[in-house]
PDB file of N, CA and C in Angstrom:
ATOM      1  N   UNK A   1      -3.322 -10.875  -9.317  1.00  0.00           N
ATOM      2  CA  UNK A   1      -1.788 -11.444  -9.052  1.00  0.00           C
ATOM      3  C   UNK A   1      -1.780 -11.460  -7.432  1.00  0.00           C
ATOM      4  N   UNK A   2      -0.398 -12.290  -6.964  1.00  0.00           N
ATOM      5  CA  UNK A   2      -0.567 -11.998  -5.733  1.00  0.00           C
ATOM      6  C   UNK A   2       0.849 -11.512  -5.389  1.00  0.00           C
ATOM      7  N   UNK A   3       1.191 -11.056  -4.002  1.00  0.00           N
ATOM      8  CA  UNK A   3       2.270 -10.441  -3.910  1.00  0.00           C
ATOM      9  C   UNK A   3       3.406 -11.010  -4.250  1.00  0.00           C
ATOM     10  N   UNK A   4       3.291 -12.722  -4.275  1.00  0.00           N
ATOM     11  CA  UNK A   4       4.557 -13.059  -4.567  1.00  0.00           C
ATOM     12  C   UNK A   4       4.949 -13.516  -5.703  1.00  0.00           C
ATOM     13  N   UNK A   5       3.757 -13.449  -6.768  1.00  0.00           N
ATOM     14  CA  UNK A   5       3.820 -13.118  -8.297  1.00  0.00           C
ATOM     15  C   UNK A   5       4.745 -11.603  -8.733  1.00  0.00           C
ATOM     16  N   UNK A   6       3.994 -10.881  -7.646  1.00  0.00           N
ATOM     17  CA  UNK A   6       4.544  -9.821  -8.276  1.00  0.00           C
ATOM     18  C   UNK A   6       6.131  -9.347  -7.727  1.00  0.00           C
ATOM     19  N   UNK A   7       6.381  -9.786  -6.833  1.00  0.00           N
ATOM     20  CA  UNK A   7       7.881  -9.630  -6.277  1.00  0.00           C
ATOM     21  C   UNK A   7       8.851 -10.378  -7.427  1.00  0.00           C
ATOM     22  N   UNK A   8       8.309 -11.317  -8.092  1.00  0.00           N
ATOM     23  CA  UNK A   8       9.154 -12.252  -9.063  1.00  0.00           C
ATOM     24  C   UNK A   8       9.448 -11.139 -10.238  1.00  0.00           C
ATOM     25  N   UNK A   9       8.347  -9.730 -10.771  1.00  0.00           N
ATOM     26  CA  UNK A   9       8.579  -9.190 -11.584  1.00  0.00           C
ATOM     27  C   UNK A   9       9.562  -8.543 -11.673  1.00  0.00           C
ATOM     28  N   UNK A  10       9.893  -8.277 -12.951  1.00  0.00           N
ATOM     29  CA  UNK A  10      11.384  -7.236 -13.132  1.00  0.00           C
ATOM     30  C   UNK A  10      10.658  -5.699 -13.085  1.00  0.00           C
ATOM     31  N   UNK A  11      11.387  -4.719 -12.785  1.00  0.00           N
ATOM     32  CA  UNK A  11      11.073  -3.395 -12.236  1.00  0.00           C
ATOM     33  C   UNK A  11      10.334  -2.635 -13.362  1.00  0.00           C
ATOM     34  N   UNK A  12      10.501  -3.014 -14.327  1.00  0.00           N
ATOM     35  CA  UNK A  12       9.378  -2.591 -15.529  1.00  0.00           C
ATOM     36  C   UNK A  12       7.937  -3.130 -15.555  1.00  0.00           C
ATOM     37  N   UNK A  13       7.881  -4.389 -15.095  1.00  0.00           N
ATOM     38  CA  UNK A  13       6.852  -5.308 -15.219  1.00  0.00           C
ATOM     39  C   UNK A  13       5.934  -4.798 -13.908  1.00  0.00           C
ATOM     40  N   UNK A  14       6.713  -4.592 -12.737  1.00  0.00           N
ATOM     41  CA  UNK A  14       6.273  -3.953 -11.514  1.00  0.00           C
ATOM     42  C   UNK A  14       5.570  -2.857 -11.506  1.00  0.00           C
ATOM     43  N   UNK A  15       6.154  -1.647 -12.322  1.00  0.00           N
ATOM     44  CA  UNK A  15       5.664  -0.359 -12.556  1.00  0.00           C
ATOM     45  C   UNK A  15       4.669  -0.413 -13.121  1.00  0.00           C
ATOM     46  N   UNK A  16       4.228  -1.111 -14.417  1.00  0.00           N
ATOM     47  CA  UNK A  16       3.018  -1.349 -15.135  1.00  0.00           C
ATOM     48  C   UNK A  16       1.699  -1.901 -14.380  1.00  0.00           C
ATOM     49  N   UNK A  17       2.327  -2.827 -13.763  1.00  0.00           N
ATOM     50  CA  UNK A  17       1.437  -3.786 -12.588  1.00  0.00           C
ATOM     51  C   UNK A  17       0.627  -2.536 -11.515  1.00  0.00           C
ATOM     52  N   UNK A  18       1.623  -1.890 -11.063  1.00  0.00           N
ATOM     53  CA  UNK A  18       1.664  -0.760 -10.011  1.00  0.00           C
ATOM     54  C   UNK A  18       0.527  -0.120 -10.334  1.00  0.00           C
ATOM     55  N   UNK A  19       0.925   0.816 -11.603  1.00  0.00           N
ATOM     56  CA  UNK A  19       0.258   1.698 -11.838  1.00  0.00           C
ATOM     57  C   UNK A  19      -1.137   1.438 -12.682  1.00  0.00           C
ATOM     58  N   UNK A  20      -1.473   0.181 -12.954  1.00  0.00           N
ATOM     59  CA  UNK A  20      -2.768  -0.358 -12.915  1.00  0.00           C
ATOM     60  C   UNK A  20      -4.058  -0.716 -11.637  1.00  0.00           C
ATOM     61  N   UNK A  21      -2.771  -0.318 -10.574  1.00  0.00           N
ATOM     62  CA  UNK A  21      -3.825  -0.566  -9.204  1.00  0.00           C
ATOM     63  C   UNK A  21      -4.565   0.659  -8.859  1.00  0.00           C
ATOM     64  N   UNK A  22      -5.160   0.512  -7.693  1.00  0.00           N
ATOM     65  CA  UNK A  22      -5.779   1.483  -7.186  1.00  0.00           C
ATOM     66  C   UNK A  22      -4.951   2.732  -6.701  1.00  0.00           C
ATOM     67  N   UNK A  23      -4.862   4.342  -6.876  1.00  0.00           N
ATOM     68  CA  UNK A  23      -4.188   5.050  -6.187  1.00  0.00           C
ATOM     69  C   UNK A  23      -4.825   5.441  -4.843  1.00  0.00           C
ATOM     70  N   UNK A  24      -4.109   4.762  -3.762  1.00  0.00           N
ATOM     71  CA  UNK A  24      -4.435   5.266  -2.373  1.00  0.00           C
ATOM     72  C   UNK A  24      -4.016   6.757  -1.812  1.00  0.00           C
ATOM     73  N   UNK A  25      -2.831   7.163  -2.017  1.00  0.00           N
ATOM     74  CA  UNK A  25      -2.460   8.278  -1.528  1.00  0.00           C
ATOM     75  C   UNK A  25      -0.490   8.439  -1.590  1.00  0.00           C
ATOM     76  N   UNK A  26      -0.658   9.794  -1.324  1.00  0.00           N
ATOM     77  CA  UNK A  26       0.955  10.017  -1.786  1.00  0.00           C
ATOM     78  C   UNK A  26       1.640  10.955  -0.208  1.00  0.00           C
ATOM     79  N   UNK A  27       2.648  10.586  -0.003  1.00  0.00           N
ATOM     80  CA  UNK A  27       3.357  11.340   1.230  1.00  0.00           C
ATOM     81  C   UNK A  27       5.138  11.393   1.225  1.00  0.00           C
ATOM     82  N   UNK A  28       5.190  12.452   2.331  1.00  0.00           N
ATOM     83  CA  UNK A  28       6.705  12.385   2.000  1.00  0.00           C
ATOM     84  C   UNK A  28       7.299  12.190   3.351  1.00  0.00           C
ATOM     85  N   UNK A  29       8.656  11.456   3.267  1.00  0.00           N
ATOM     86  CA  UNK A  29       9.291  11.228   4.810  1.00  0.00           C
ATOM     87  C   UNK A  29      10.564  11.524   4.607  1.00  0.00           C
ATOM     88  N   UNK A  30      11.148  12.753   5.230  1.00  0.00           N
ATOM     89  CA  UNK A  30      12.468  13.177   4.842  1.00  0.00           C
ATOM     90  C   UNK A  30      12.748  13.516   3.432  1.00  0.00           C
ATOM     91  N   UNK A  31      13.691  13.038   2.581  1.00  0.00           N
ATOM     92  CA  UNK A  31      13.849  13.448   1.570  1.00  0.00           C
ATOM     93  C   UNK A  31      13.511  12.344   0.392  1.00  0.00           C
ATOM     94  N   UNK A  32      12.381  11.428   0.820  1.00  0.00           N
ATOM     95  CA  UNK A  32      11.962  10.586   0.244  1.00  0.00           C
ATOM     96  C   UNK A  32      10.304  10.798  -0.053  1.00  0.00           C
ATOM     97  N   UNK A  33       9.746  10.622  -1.430  1.00  0.00           N
ATOM     98  CA  UNK A  33       8.217  10.858  -1.562  1.00  0.00           C
ATOM     99  C   UNK A  33       7.788   9.233  -2.069  1.00  0.00           C
ATOM    100  N   UNK A  34       6.732   9.109  -1.491  1.00  0.00           N
ATOM    101  CA  UNK A  34       5.907   7.787  -1.298  1.00  0.00           C
ATOM    102  C   UNK A  34       4.568   7.529  -2.331  1.00  0.00           C
ATOM    103  N   UNK A  35       4.512   7.023  -2.991  1.00  0.00           N
ATOM    104  CA  UNK A  35       2.877   6.780  -3.506  1.00  0.00           C
ATOM    105  C   UNK A  35       2.466   5.479  -3.397  1.00  0.00           C
ATOM    106  N   UNK A  36       1.075   5.514  -2.748  1.00  0.00           N
ATOM    107  CA  UNK A  36       0.403   4.222  -2.266  1.00  0.00           C
ATOM    108  C   UNK A  36      -0.426   3.679  -3.566  1.00  0.00           C
ATOM    109  N   UNK A  37       0.103   2.403  -3.951  1.00  0.00           N
ATOM    110  CA  UNK A  37      -1.393   2.106  -4.676  1.00  0.00           C
ATOM    111  C   UNK A  37      -1.976   0.510  -3.954  1.00  0.00           C
ATOM    112  N   UNK A  38      -3.076   0.104  -4.232  1.00  0.00           N
ATOM    113  CA  UNK A  38      -3.703  -1.128  -3.928  1.00  0.00           C
ATOM    114  C   UNK A  38      -3.846  -1.927  -5.089  1.00  0.00           C
ATOM    115  N   UNK A  39      -3.155  -3.157  -5.092  1.00  0.00           N
ATOM    116  CA  UNK A  39      -3.227  -4.191  -6.356  1.00  0.00           C
ATOM    117  C   UNK A  39      -3.901  -5.402  -5.452  1.00  0.00           C
ATOM    118  N   UNK A  40      -5.319  -5.202  -5.232  1.00  0.00           N
ATOM    119  CA  UNK A  40      -6.129  -6.277  -5.014  1.00  0.00           C
ATOM    120  C   UNK A  40      -5.875  -6.626  -3.471  1.00  0.00           C
ATOM    121  N   UNK A  41      -5.244  -7.969  -3.205  1.00  0.00           N
ATOM    122  CA  UNK A  41      -4.917  -7.927  -1.788  1.00  0.00           C
ATOM    123  C   UNK A  41      -3.431  -7.826  -1.360  1.00  0.00           C
ATOM    124  N   UNK A  42      -2.837  -6.768  -1.618  1.00  0.00           N
ATOM    125  CA  UNK A  42      -1.666  -6.298  -1.004  1.00  0.00           C
ATOM    126  C   UNK A  42      -1.670  -4.743  -1.603  1.00  0.00           C
ATOM    127  N   UNK A  43      -0.384  -3.933  -1.174  1.00  0.00           N
ATOM    128  CA  UNK A  43      -0.303  -2.725  -1.352  1.00  0.00           C
ATOM    129  C   UNK A  43       1.331  -2.611  -1.966  1.00  0.00           C
ATOM    130  N   UNK A  44       1.463  -1.530  -2.788  1.00  0.00           N
ATOM    131  CA  UNK A  44       2.760  -1.104  -3.128  1.00  0.00           C
ATOM    132  C   UNK A  44       3.177   0.197  -2.844  1.00  0.00           C
ATOM    133  N   UNK A  45       4.050   0.774  -2.559  1.00  0.00           N
ATOM    134  CA  UNK A  45       4.474   1.760  -2.396  1.00  0.00           C
ATOM    135  C   UNK A  45       5.466   2.132  -3.644  1.00  0.00           C
ATOM    136  N   UNK A  46       5.548   3.273  -4.550  1.00  0.00           N
ATOM    137  CA  UNK A  46       6.428   3.628  -5.167  1.00  0.00           C
ATOM    138  C   UNK A  46       7.413   4.717  -4.360  1.00  0.00           C
ATOM    139  N   UNK A  47       8.689   4.151  -4.290  1.00  0.00           N
ATOM    140  CA  UNK A  47       9.580   5.186  -3.530  1.00  0.00           C
ATOM    141  C   UNK A  47      10.550   6.092  -4.636  1.00  0.00           C
ATOM    142  N   UNK A  48      10.502   7.673  -4.221  1.00  0.00           N
ATOM    143  CA  UNK A  48      11.493   8.088  -5.086  1.00  0.00           C
ATOM    144  C   UNK A  48      12.034   9.336  -4.110  1.00  0.00           C
ATOM    145  N   UNK A  49      13.154   9.772  -4.625  1.00  0.00           N
ATOM    146  CA  UNK A  49      13.693  11.197  -4.080  1.00  0.00           C
ATOM    147  C   UNK A  49      12.428  12.160  -3.702  1.00  0.00           C
ATOM    148  N   UNK A  50      12.568  12.906  -2.818  1.00  0.00           N
ATOM    149  CA  UNK A  50      11.568  13.885  -2.714  1.00  0.00           C
ATOM    150  C   UNK A  50      11.225  14.657  -3.583  1.00  0.00           C
ATOM    151  N   UNK A  51      12.688  15.028  -4.636  1.00  0.00           N
ATOM    152  CA  UNK A  51      12.246  15.949  -5.756  1.00  0.00           C
ATOM    153  C   UNK A  51      11.311  15.259  -7.278  1.00  0.00           C
ATOM    154  N   UNK A  52      11.647  13.810  -6.901  1.00  0.00           N
ATOM    155  CA  UNK A  52      10.910  12.669  -7.959  1.00  0.00           C
ATOM    156  C   UNK A  52      12.195  12.801  -8.979  1.00  0.00           C
ATOM    157  N   UNK A  53      13.166  13.013  -8.716  1.00  0.00           N
ATOM    158  CA  UNK A  53      14.389  12.736 -10.024  1.00  0.00           C
ATOM    159  C   UNK A  53      14.885  11.328 -10.010  1.00  0.00           C
ATOM    160  N   UNK A  54      14.732  10.844  -8.840  1.00  0.00           N
ATOM    161  CA  UNK A  54      15.371   9.555  -9.100  1.00  0.00           C
ATOM    162  C   UNK A  54      14.328   8.150  -8.294  1.00  0.00           C
ATOM    163  N   UNK A  55      13.898   7.404  -8.966  1.00  0.00           N
ATOM    164  CA  UNK A  55      13.066   6.270  -8.355  1.00  0.00           C
ATOM    165  C   UNK A  55      14.021   5.632  -7.568  1.00  0.00           C
ATOM    166  N   UNK A  56      13.678   5.160  -6.414  1.00  0.00           N
ATOM    167  CA  UNK A  56      14.347   4.264  -5.634  1.00  0.00           C
ATOM    168  C   UNK A  56      13.981   3.082  -5.392  1.00  0.00           C
ATOM    169  N   UNK A  57      12.644   2.393  -5.428  1.00  0.00           N
ATOM    170  CA  UNK A  57      12.504   1.137  -5.793  1.00  0.00           C
ATOM    171  C   UNK A  57      10.947   1.176  -5.125  1.00  0.00           C
ATOM    172  N   UNK A  58      10.552  -0.103  -4.910  1.00  0.00           N
ATOM    173  CA  UNK A  58       8.980  -0.619  -4.759  1.00  0.00           C
ATOM    174  C   UNK A  58       8.832  -1.331  -3.306  1.00  0.00           C
ATOM    175  N   UNK A  59       8.145  -0.799  -2.598  1.00  0.00           N
ATOM    176  CA  UNK A  59       7.896  -1.464  -1.138  1.00  0.00           C
ATOM    177  C   UNK A  59       6.461  -2.350  -1.349  1.00  0.00           C
ATOM    178  N   UNK A  60       6.557  -3.491  -1.264  1.00  0.00           N
ATOM    179  CA  UNK A  60       4.837  -3.987  -1.171  1.00  0.00           C
ATOM    180  C   UNK A  60       4.780  -4.826   0.039  1.00  0.00           C
ATOM    181  N   UNK A  61       3.376  -4.700   0.545  1.00  0.00           N
ATOM    182  CA  UNK A  61       3.087  -5.329   1.701  1.00  0.00           C
ATOM    183  C   UNK A  61       1.878  -5.405   1.955  1.00  0.00           C
ATOM    184  N   UNK A  62       1.232  -6.560   2.820  1.00  0.00           N
ATOM    185  CA  UNK A  62      -0.224  -6.794   3.074  1.00  0.00           C
ATOM    186  C   UNK A  62      -0.530  -6.356   4.478  1.00  0.00           C
ATOM    187  N   UNK A  63       0.498  -5.956   5.524  1.00  0.00           N
ATOM    188  CA  UNK A  63       0.173  -5.646   6.805  1.00  0.00           C
ATOM    189  C   UNK A  63      -0.599  -4.474   7.031  1.00  0.00           C
ATOM    190  N   UNK A  64      -1.885  -4.482   7.398  1.00  0.00           N
ATOM    191  CA  UNK A  64      -2.752  -2.901   7.080  1.00  0.00           C
ATOM    192  C   UNK A  64      -2.451  -1.963   8.356  1.00  0.00           C
ATOM    193  N   UNK A  65      -1.312  -2.170   9.157  1.00  0.00           N
ATOM    194  CA  UNK A  65      -0.917  -0.987   9.998  1.00  0.00           C
ATOM    195  C   UNK A  65      -0.377  -0.334   9.290  1.00  0.00           C
ATOM    196  N   UNK A  66       0.746  -0.719   8.269  1.00  0.00           N
ATOM    197  CA  UNK A  66       1.646   0.166   7.412  1.00  0.00           C
ATOM    198  C   UNK A  66       0.565   1.033   6.503  1.00  0.00           C
ATOM    199  N   UNK A  67      -0.663   0.993   6.581  1.00  0.00           N
ATOM    200  CA  UNK A  67      -1.453   2.234   5.883  1.00  0.00           C
ATOM    201  C   UNK A  67      -1.689   3.637   6.736  1.00  0.00           C
ATOM    202  N   UNK A  68      -1.414   3.208   7.893  1.00  0.00           N
ATOM    203  CA  UNK A  68      -1.675   4.196   8.995  1.00  0.00           C
ATOM    204  C   UNK A  68      -1.331   5.658   8.373  1.00  0.00           C
ATOM    205  N   UNK A  69       0.156   5.578   7.699  1.00  0.00           N
ATOM    206  CA  UNK A  69       0.740   7.267   7.618  1.00  0.00           C
ATOM    207  C   UNK A  69      -0.389   7.973   6.193  1.00  0.00           C
ATOM    208  N   UNK A  70      -1.458   7.252   5.649  1.00  0.00           N
ATOM    209  CA  UNK A  70      -2.287   7.893   4.768  1.00  0.00           C
ATOM    210  C   UNK A  70      -3.599   7.963   5.187  1.00  0.00           C
ATOM    211  N   UNK A  71      -4.017   7.665   6.292  1.00  0.00           N
ATOM    212  CA  UNK A  71      -5.353   7.467   6.596  1.00  0.00           C
ATOM    213  C   UNK A  71      -5.898   9.063   6.913  1.00  0.00           C
ATOM    214  N   UNK A  72      -4.990  10.300   7.341  1.00  0.00           N
ATOM    215  CA  UNK A  72      -5.175  11.528   7.090  1.00  0.00           C
ATOM    216  C   UNK A  72      -5.366  12.030   5.900  1.00  0.00           C
ATOM    217  N   UNK A  73      -5.128  11.058   4.598  1.00  0.00           N
ATOM    218  CA  UNK A  73      -5.988  11.236   3.318  1.00  0.00           C
ATOM    219  C   UNK A  73      -7.328  11.167   3.037  1.00  0.00           C
ATOM    220  N   UNK A  74      -7.958  10.851   3.853  1.00  0.00           N
ATOM    221  CA  UNK A  74      -9.456  10.143   3.510  1.00  0.00           C
ATOM    222  C   UNK A  74     -10.240  11.075   4.455  1.00  0.00           C
ATOM    223  N   UNK A  75     -11.579  11.059   3.787  1.00  0.00           N
ATOM    224  CA  UNK A  75     -12.403  12.343   4.524  1.00  0.00           C
ATOM    225  C   UNK A  75     -12.798  11.307   5.793  1.00  0.00           C
ATOM    226  N   UNK A  76     -13.295  12.135   6.767  1.00  0.00           N
ATOM    227  CA  UNK A  76     -14.045  11.363   8.036  1.00  0.00           C
ATOM    228  C   UNK A  76     -15.073  11.371   7.967  1.00  0.00           C
ATOM    229  N   UNK A  77     -15.644   9.957   8.178  1.00  0.00           N
ATOM    230  CA  UNK A  77     -17.227   9.854   8.127  1.00  0.00           C
ATOM    231  C   UNK A  77     -17.608  10.081   9.569  1.00  0.00           C
ATOM    232  N   UNK A  78     -18.546  10.653   9.576  1.00  0.00           N
ATOM    233  CA  UNK A  78     -19.492  11.002  11.086  1.00  0.00           C
ATOM    234  C   UNK A  78     -20.549  10.109  11.168  1.00  0.00           C
TER     235      UNK A  78
END
C-alpha cells in the first residue's frame, strides 16, 4: 500500500492497516501520546490524549528526519 492509498482510507481502515504494520516506538509530547508504526515505505503515528482516553488522529509521513524523536528507543550499536 502506498501512502496515498492509505490517506484515502477511512479511519477504521487506517487503524486496521496501521496495526498490521511494524511497531517502532511510543512517545509523549505534552498532553499527547504517539505510537509509531512502519507500513513498508512510509510511517504512521497514532495520536492520542496522554491518558489514551481520546484518539486524535493519524499522522502519515515518509520523511526520515521525523523519526528522530524515536531514535533513543533503539539499542546503540558499538
